[in-house]
């Protein structure tokens, strides 16, 4: 569901996929080949939310305030990104939380269930885990980029073949 708020309407690229059950409200930009999956909420009522090219926001995730996902970012199931920036190619694991003014570096991974606290700067290509999230090592995973490609392809399949059956 796309809904305007306070005069601002979501802007969605023609090649992006937004599931019918997702809720996208207000000042939200969803760029080319990005995908927003079932039961996801992107609530742009207190700042702009940007979902970059080929980024994917998976089932039940929430983005709020000034959240920015750069290109090829993956936000896993039930994760939260609140007023934070996630750099290109990074992955936010399932049920992870990234809080206000945090920055997750390019190609970094936030492990499932972790909490990146306010103002934290996760270095590029670093795995962080725990509550609060702490560095655990370097990320050297050539398959990480494949996640964004996989979801861009899957989104095209959904757009082309999924039918609502009531």
C-alpha atoms as a PDB file:
ATOM      1  CA  UNK A   1       0.000   0.000   0.000  1.00  0.00           C
ATOM      2  CA  UNK A   2       1.380   3.363  -1.010  1.00  0.00           C
ATOM      3  CA  UNK A   3       0.016   6.254   1.013  1.00  0.00           C
ATOM      4  CA  UNK A   4       0.753   9.974   1.039  1.00  0.00           C
ATOM      5  CA  UNK A   5       1.292  11.846   4.281  1.00  0.00           C
ATOM      6  CA  UNK A   6       1.294  15.578   4.876  1.00  0.00           C
ATOM      7  CA  UNK A   7       1.529  16.310   1.150  1.00  0.00           C
ATOM      8  CA  UNK A   8       4.376  13.860   0.498  1.00  0.00           C
ATOM      9  CA  UNK A   9       3.812  10.769  -1.617  1.00  0.00           C
ATOM     10  CA  UNK A  10       6.199   7.842  -2.088  1.00  0.00           C
ATOM     11  CA  UNK A  11       8.267   7.884  -5.280  1.00  0.00           C
ATOM     12  CA  UNK A  12       8.818   4.417  -6.686  1.00  0.00           C
ATOM     13  CA  UNK A  13      10.901   3.603  -9.769  1.00  0.00           C
ATOM     14  CA  UNK A  14       9.065   1.693 -12.471  1.00  0.00           C
ATOM     15  CA  UNK A  15      11.491  -1.214 -12.152  1.00  0.00           C
ATOM     16  CA  UNK A  16      11.152  -1.468  -8.353  1.00  0.00           C
ATOM     17  CA  UNK A  17       8.978  -4.091  -6.694  1.00  0.00           C
ATOM     18  CA  UNK A  18       6.755  -3.216  -3.725  1.00  0.00           C
ATOM     19  CA  UNK A  19       4.635  -6.071  -2.418  1.00  0.00           C
ATOM     20  CA  UNK A  20       0.913  -5.357  -2.043  1.00  0.00           C
ATOM     21  CA  UNK A  21       1.109  -6.015   1.706  1.00  0.00           C
ATOM     22  CA  UNK A  22       3.987  -3.583   2.305  1.00  0.00           C
ATOM     23  CA  UNK A  23       3.082  -0.196   3.780  1.00  0.00           C
ATOM     24  CA  UNK A  24       4.998   2.721   2.271  1.00  0.00           C
ATOM     25  CA  UNK A  25       3.978   6.102   3.658  1.00  0.00           C
ATOM     26  CA  UNK A  26       5.070   9.663   2.941  1.00  0.00           C
ATOM     27  CA  UNK A  27       8.538  10.836   1.983  1.00  0.00           C
ATOM     28  CA  UNK A  28       9.975   7.578   0.634  1.00  0.00           C
ATOM     29  CA  UNK A  29      12.131   7.060  -2.457  1.00  0.00           C
ATOM     30  CA  UNK A  30      12.475   3.535  -3.844  1.00  0.00           C
ATOM     31  CA  UNK A  31      15.014   3.433  -6.641  1.00  0.00           C
ATOM     32  CA  UNK A  32      15.479   1.210  -9.699  1.00  0.00           C
ATOM     33  CA  UNK A  33      15.418  -2.565  -9.228  1.00  0.00           C
ATOM     34  CA  UNK A  34      14.925  -2.236  -5.449  1.00  0.00           C
ATOM     35  CA  UNK A  35      12.452  -4.494  -3.670  1.00  0.00           C
ATOM     36  CA  UNK A  36      10.203  -4.131  -0.639  1.00  0.00           C
ATOM     37  CA  UNK A  37       8.767  -7.436   0.544  1.00  0.00           C
ATOM     38  CA  UNK A  38       5.578  -8.553   2.383  1.00  0.00           C
ATOM     39  CA  UNK A  39       4.480  -6.807   5.572  1.00  0.00           C
ATOM     40  CA  UNK A  40       7.349  -4.335   5.473  1.00  0.00           C
ATOM     41  CA  UNK A  41       6.786  -0.791   6.753  1.00  0.00           C
ATOM     42  CA  UNK A  42       8.608   2.243   5.379  1.00  0.00           C
ATOM     43  CA  UNK A  43       7.212   5.241   7.247  1.00  0.00           C
ATOM     44  CA  UNK A  44       8.526   8.515   5.873  1.00  0.00           C
ATOM     45  CA  UNK A  45       6.684  10.857   8.211  1.00  0.00           C
ATOM     46  CA  UNK A  46       9.734  12.319  10.011  1.00  0.00           C
ATOM     47  CA  UNK A  47      12.324  12.542   7.263  1.00  0.00           C
ATOM     48  CA  UNK A  48      13.174  10.956   3.955  1.00  0.00           C
ATOM     49  CA  UNK A  49      13.642   7.222   3.549  1.00  0.00           C
ATOM     50  CA  UNK A  50      15.743   6.158   0.555  1.00  0.00           C
ATOM     51  CA  UNK A  51      15.955   2.585  -0.716  1.00  0.00           C
ATOM     52  CA  UNK A  52      18.845   2.549  -3.197  1.00  0.00           C
ATOM     53  CA  UNK A  53      19.177   0.732  -6.492  1.00  0.00           C
ATOM     54  CA  UNK A  54      18.958  -3.071  -6.126  1.00  0.00           C
ATOM     55  CA  UNK A  55      18.523  -2.771  -2.350  1.00  0.00           C
ATOM     56  CA  UNK A  56      16.041  -5.166  -0.771  1.00  0.00           C
ATOM     57  CA  UNK A  57      13.979  -4.775   2.373  1.00  0.00           C
ATOM     58  CA  UNK A  58      12.714  -8.187   3.398  1.00  0.00           C
ATOM     59  CA  UNK A  59       9.537  -9.368   5.104  1.00  0.00           C
ATOM     60  CA  UNK A  60       8.405  -7.559   8.279  1.00  0.00           C
ATOM     61  CA  UNK A  61      11.313  -5.092   8.301  1.00  0.00           C
ATOM     62  CA  UNK A  62      10.789  -1.473   9.403  1.00  0.00           C
ATOM     63  CA  UNK A  63      12.500   1.696   8.167  1.00  0.00           C
ATOM     64  CA  UNK A  64      11.678   5.009   9.862  1.00  0.00           C
ATOM     65  CA  UNK A  65      12.961   8.581  10.121  1.00  0.00           C
ATOM     66  CA  UNK A  66      15.981   9.527   7.946  1.00  0.00           C
ATOM     67  CA  UNK A  67      16.831   5.962   6.909  1.00  0.00           C
ATOM     68  CA  UNK A  68      19.042   5.567   3.859  1.00  0.00           C
ATOM     69  CA  UNK A  69      19.954   2.320   2.154  1.00  0.00           C
ATOM     70  CA  UNK A  70      22.613   2.777  -0.503  1.00  0.00           C
ATOM     71  CA  UNK A  71      22.709   0.506  -3.584  1.00  0.00           C
ATOM     72  CA  UNK A  72      22.686  -3.298  -3.184  1.00  0.00           C
ATOM     73  CA  UNK A  73      21.907  -3.256   0.564  1.00  0.00           C
ATOM     74  CA  UNK A  74      20.043  -6.191   2.096  1.00  0.00           C
ATOM     75  CA  UNK A  75      17.826  -5.643   5.137  1.00  0.00           C
ATOM     76  CA  UNK A  76      16.845  -9.060   6.504  1.00  0.00           C
ATOM     77  CA  UNK A  77      13.512 -10.269   7.798  1.00  0.00           C
ATOM     78  CA  UNK A  78      12.121  -8.291  10.773  1.00  0.00           C
ATOM     79  CA  UNK A  79      15.122  -5.966  10.972  1.00  0.00           C
ATOM     80  CA  UNK A  80      14.790  -2.285  11.919  1.00  0.00           C
ATOM     81  CA  UNK A  81      16.744   0.634  10.474  1.00  0.00           C
ATOM     82  CA  UNK A  82      15.857   3.828  12.353  1.00  0.00           C
ATOM     83  CA  UNK A  83      17.370   7.171  11.339  1.00  0.00           C
ATOM     84  CA  UNK A  84      20.572   5.514  10.116  1.00  0.00           C
ATOM     85  CA  UNK A  85      22.608   5.007   6.936  1.00  0.00           C
ATOM     86  CA  UNK A  86      23.586   1.644   5.488  1.00  0.00           C
ATOM     87  CA  UNK A  87      26.319   1.868   2.856  1.00  0.00           C
ATOM     88  CA  UNK A  88      26.520   0.043  -0.455  1.00  0.00           C
ATOM     89  CA  UNK A  89      26.521  -3.732  -0.388  1.00  0.00           C
ATOM     90  CA  UNK A  90      26.054  -4.031   3.386  1.00  0.00           C
ATOM     91  CA  UNK A  91      23.777  -6.617   4.967  1.00  0.00           C
ATOM     92  CA  UNK A  92      21.570  -6.125   8.028  1.00  0.00           C
ATOM     93  CA  UNK A  93      20.744  -9.578   9.418  1.00  0.00           C
ATOM     94  CA  UNK A  94      17.358 -10.879  10.478  1.00  0.00           C
ATOM     95  CA  UNK A  95      15.931  -9.215  13.617  1.00  0.00           C
ATOM     96  CA  UNK A  96      18.899  -6.831  13.803  1.00  0.00           C
ATOM     97  CA  UNK A  97      18.382  -3.209  14.848  1.00  0.00           C
ATOM     98  CA  UNK A  98      20.339  -0.199  13.581  1.00  0.00           C
ATOM     99  CA  UNK A  99      19.604   2.910  15.654  1.00  0.00           C
ATOM    100  CA  UNK A 100      19.736   6.681  15.221  1.00  0.00           C
ATOM    101  CA  UNK A 101      22.767   8.300  13.599  1.00  0.00           C
ATOM    102  CA  UNK A 102      24.517   4.957  13.103  1.00  0.00           C
ATOM    103  CA  UNK A 103      26.414   4.292   9.891  1.00  0.00           C
ATOM    104  CA  UNK A 104      27.022   0.772   8.592  1.00  0.00           C
ATOM    105  CA  UNK A 105      29.998   0.804   6.222  1.00  0.00           C
ATOM    106  CA  UNK A 106      30.239  -0.534   2.692  1.00  0.00           C
ATOM    107  CA  UNK A 107      30.120  -4.324   2.539  1.00  0.00           C
ATOM    108  CA  UNK A 108      29.702  -4.652   6.323  1.00  0.00           C
ATOM    109  CA  UNK A 109      27.475  -7.290   7.933  1.00  0.00           C
ATOM    110  CA  UNK A 110      25.346  -6.786  11.045  1.00  0.00           C
ATOM    111  CA  UNK A 111      24.709 -10.288  12.392  1.00  0.00           C
ATOM    112  CA  UNK A 112      21.167 -11.515  13.018  1.00  0.00           C
ATOM    113  CA  UNK A 113      19.699 -10.262  16.283  1.00  0.00           C
ATOM    114  CA  UNK A 114      22.402  -7.658  16.847  1.00  0.00           C
ATOM    115  CA  UNK A 115      21.855  -4.062  17.944  1.00  0.00           C
ATOM    116  CA  UNK A 116      23.933  -1.267  16.435  1.00  0.00           C
ATOM    117  CA  UNK A 117      23.538   1.473  19.031  1.00  0.00           C
ATOM    118  CA  UNK A 118      23.037   5.188  18.399  1.00  0.00           C
ATOM    119  CA  UNK A 119      25.912   6.962  16.708  1.00  0.00           C
ATOM    120  CA  UNK A 120      27.928   3.804  16.037  1.00  0.00           C
ATOM    121  CA  UNK A 121      30.146   3.734  12.953  1.00  0.00           C
ATOM    122  CA  UNK A 122      30.567   0.188  11.625  1.00  0.00           C
ATOM    123  CA  UNK A 123      33.716   0.103   9.456  1.00  0.00           C
ATOM    124  CA  UNK A 124      33.504  -1.149   5.862  1.00  0.00           C
ATOM    125  CA  UNK A 125      33.767  -4.921   5.307  1.00  0.00           C
ATOM    126  CA  UNK A 126      33.396  -5.649   9.033  1.00  0.00           C
ATOM    127  CA  UNK A 127      31.195  -8.242  10.727  1.00  0.00           C
ATOM    128  CA  UNK A 128      29.584  -6.922  13.906  1.00  0.00           C
ATOM    129  CA  UNK A 129      27.507  -8.993  16.312  1.00  0.00           C
ATOM    130  CA  UNK A 130      25.938  -8.793  19.733  1.00  0.00           C
ATOM    131  CA  UNK A 131      24.079  -6.289  21.859  1.00  0.00           C
ATOM    132  CA  UNK A 132      25.602  -3.818  21.545  1.00  0.00           C
ATOM    133  CA  UNK A 133      27.140  -4.892  18.245  1.00  0.00           C
ATOM    134  CA  UNK A 134      30.921  -5.200  18.358  1.00  0.00           C
ATOM    135  CA  UNK A 135      33.434  -6.026  15.609  1.00  0.00           C
ATOM    136  CA  UNK A 136      34.080  -9.760  15.215  1.00  0.00           C
ATOM    137  CA  UNK A 137      36.233  -9.768  12.109  1.00  0.00           C
ATOM    138  CA  UNK A 138      36.523  -8.825   8.476  1.00  0.00           C
ATOM    139  CA  UNK A 139      33.956  -9.741   5.850  1.00  0.00           C
ATOM    140  CA  UNK A 140      35.468 -11.461   2.848  1.00  0.00           C
ATOM    141  CA  UNK A 141      32.416 -12.968   1.202  1.00  0.00           C
ATOM    142  CA  UNK A 142      32.160 -12.749  -2.587  1.00  0.00           C
ATOM    143  CA  UNK A 143      28.594 -14.115  -2.289  1.00  0.00           C
ATOM    144  CA  UNK A 144      27.422 -11.030  -0.373  1.00  0.00           C
ATOM    145  CA  UNK A 145      26.943  -9.077  -3.603  1.00  0.00           C
ATOM    146  CA  UNK A 146      24.989 -12.038  -4.989  1.00  0.00           C
ATOM    147  CA  UNK A 147      22.271 -11.454  -2.378  1.00  0.00           C
ATOM    148  CA  UNK A 148      21.279  -8.143  -3.957  1.00  0.00           C
ATOM    149  CA  UNK A 149      21.344  -9.679  -7.427  1.00  0.00           C
ATOM    150  CA  UNK A 150      19.227 -12.614  -6.256  1.00  0.00           C
ATOM    151  CA  UNK A 151      16.562 -10.351  -4.769  1.00  0.00           C
ATOM    152  CA  UNK A 152      16.494  -8.091  -7.838  1.00  0.00           C
ATOM    153  CA  UNK A 153      15.862 -11.175  -9.994  1.00  0.00           C
ATOM    154  CA  UNK A 154      13.278 -12.559  -7.577  1.00  0.00           C
ATOM    155  CA  UNK A 155      11.480  -9.204  -7.497  1.00  0.00           C
ATOM    156  CA  UNK A 156      11.174  -9.275 -11.290  1.00  0.00           C
ATOM    157  CA  UNK A 157       9.688 -12.777 -11.089  1.00  0.00           C
ATOM    158  CA  UNK A 158       7.158 -11.631  -8.481  1.00  0.00           C
ATOM    159  CA  UNK A 159       6.216  -8.576 -10.519  1.00  0.00           C
ATOM    160  CA  UNK A 160       5.740 -10.713 -13.625  1.00  0.00           C
ATOM    161  CA  UNK A 161       3.995 -13.756 -12.164  1.00  0.00           C
ATOM    162  CA  UNK A 162       2.455 -13.167  -8.733  1.00  0.00           C
ATOM    163  CA  UNK A 163      -1.310 -12.850  -8.755  1.00  0.00           C
ATOM    164  CA  UNK A 164      -3.571 -11.874  -5.913  1.00  0.00           C
ATOM    165  CA  UNK A 165      -6.033 -14.662  -5.140  1.00  0.00           C
ATOM    166  CA  UNK A 166      -8.866 -13.656  -2.837  1.00  0.00           C
END
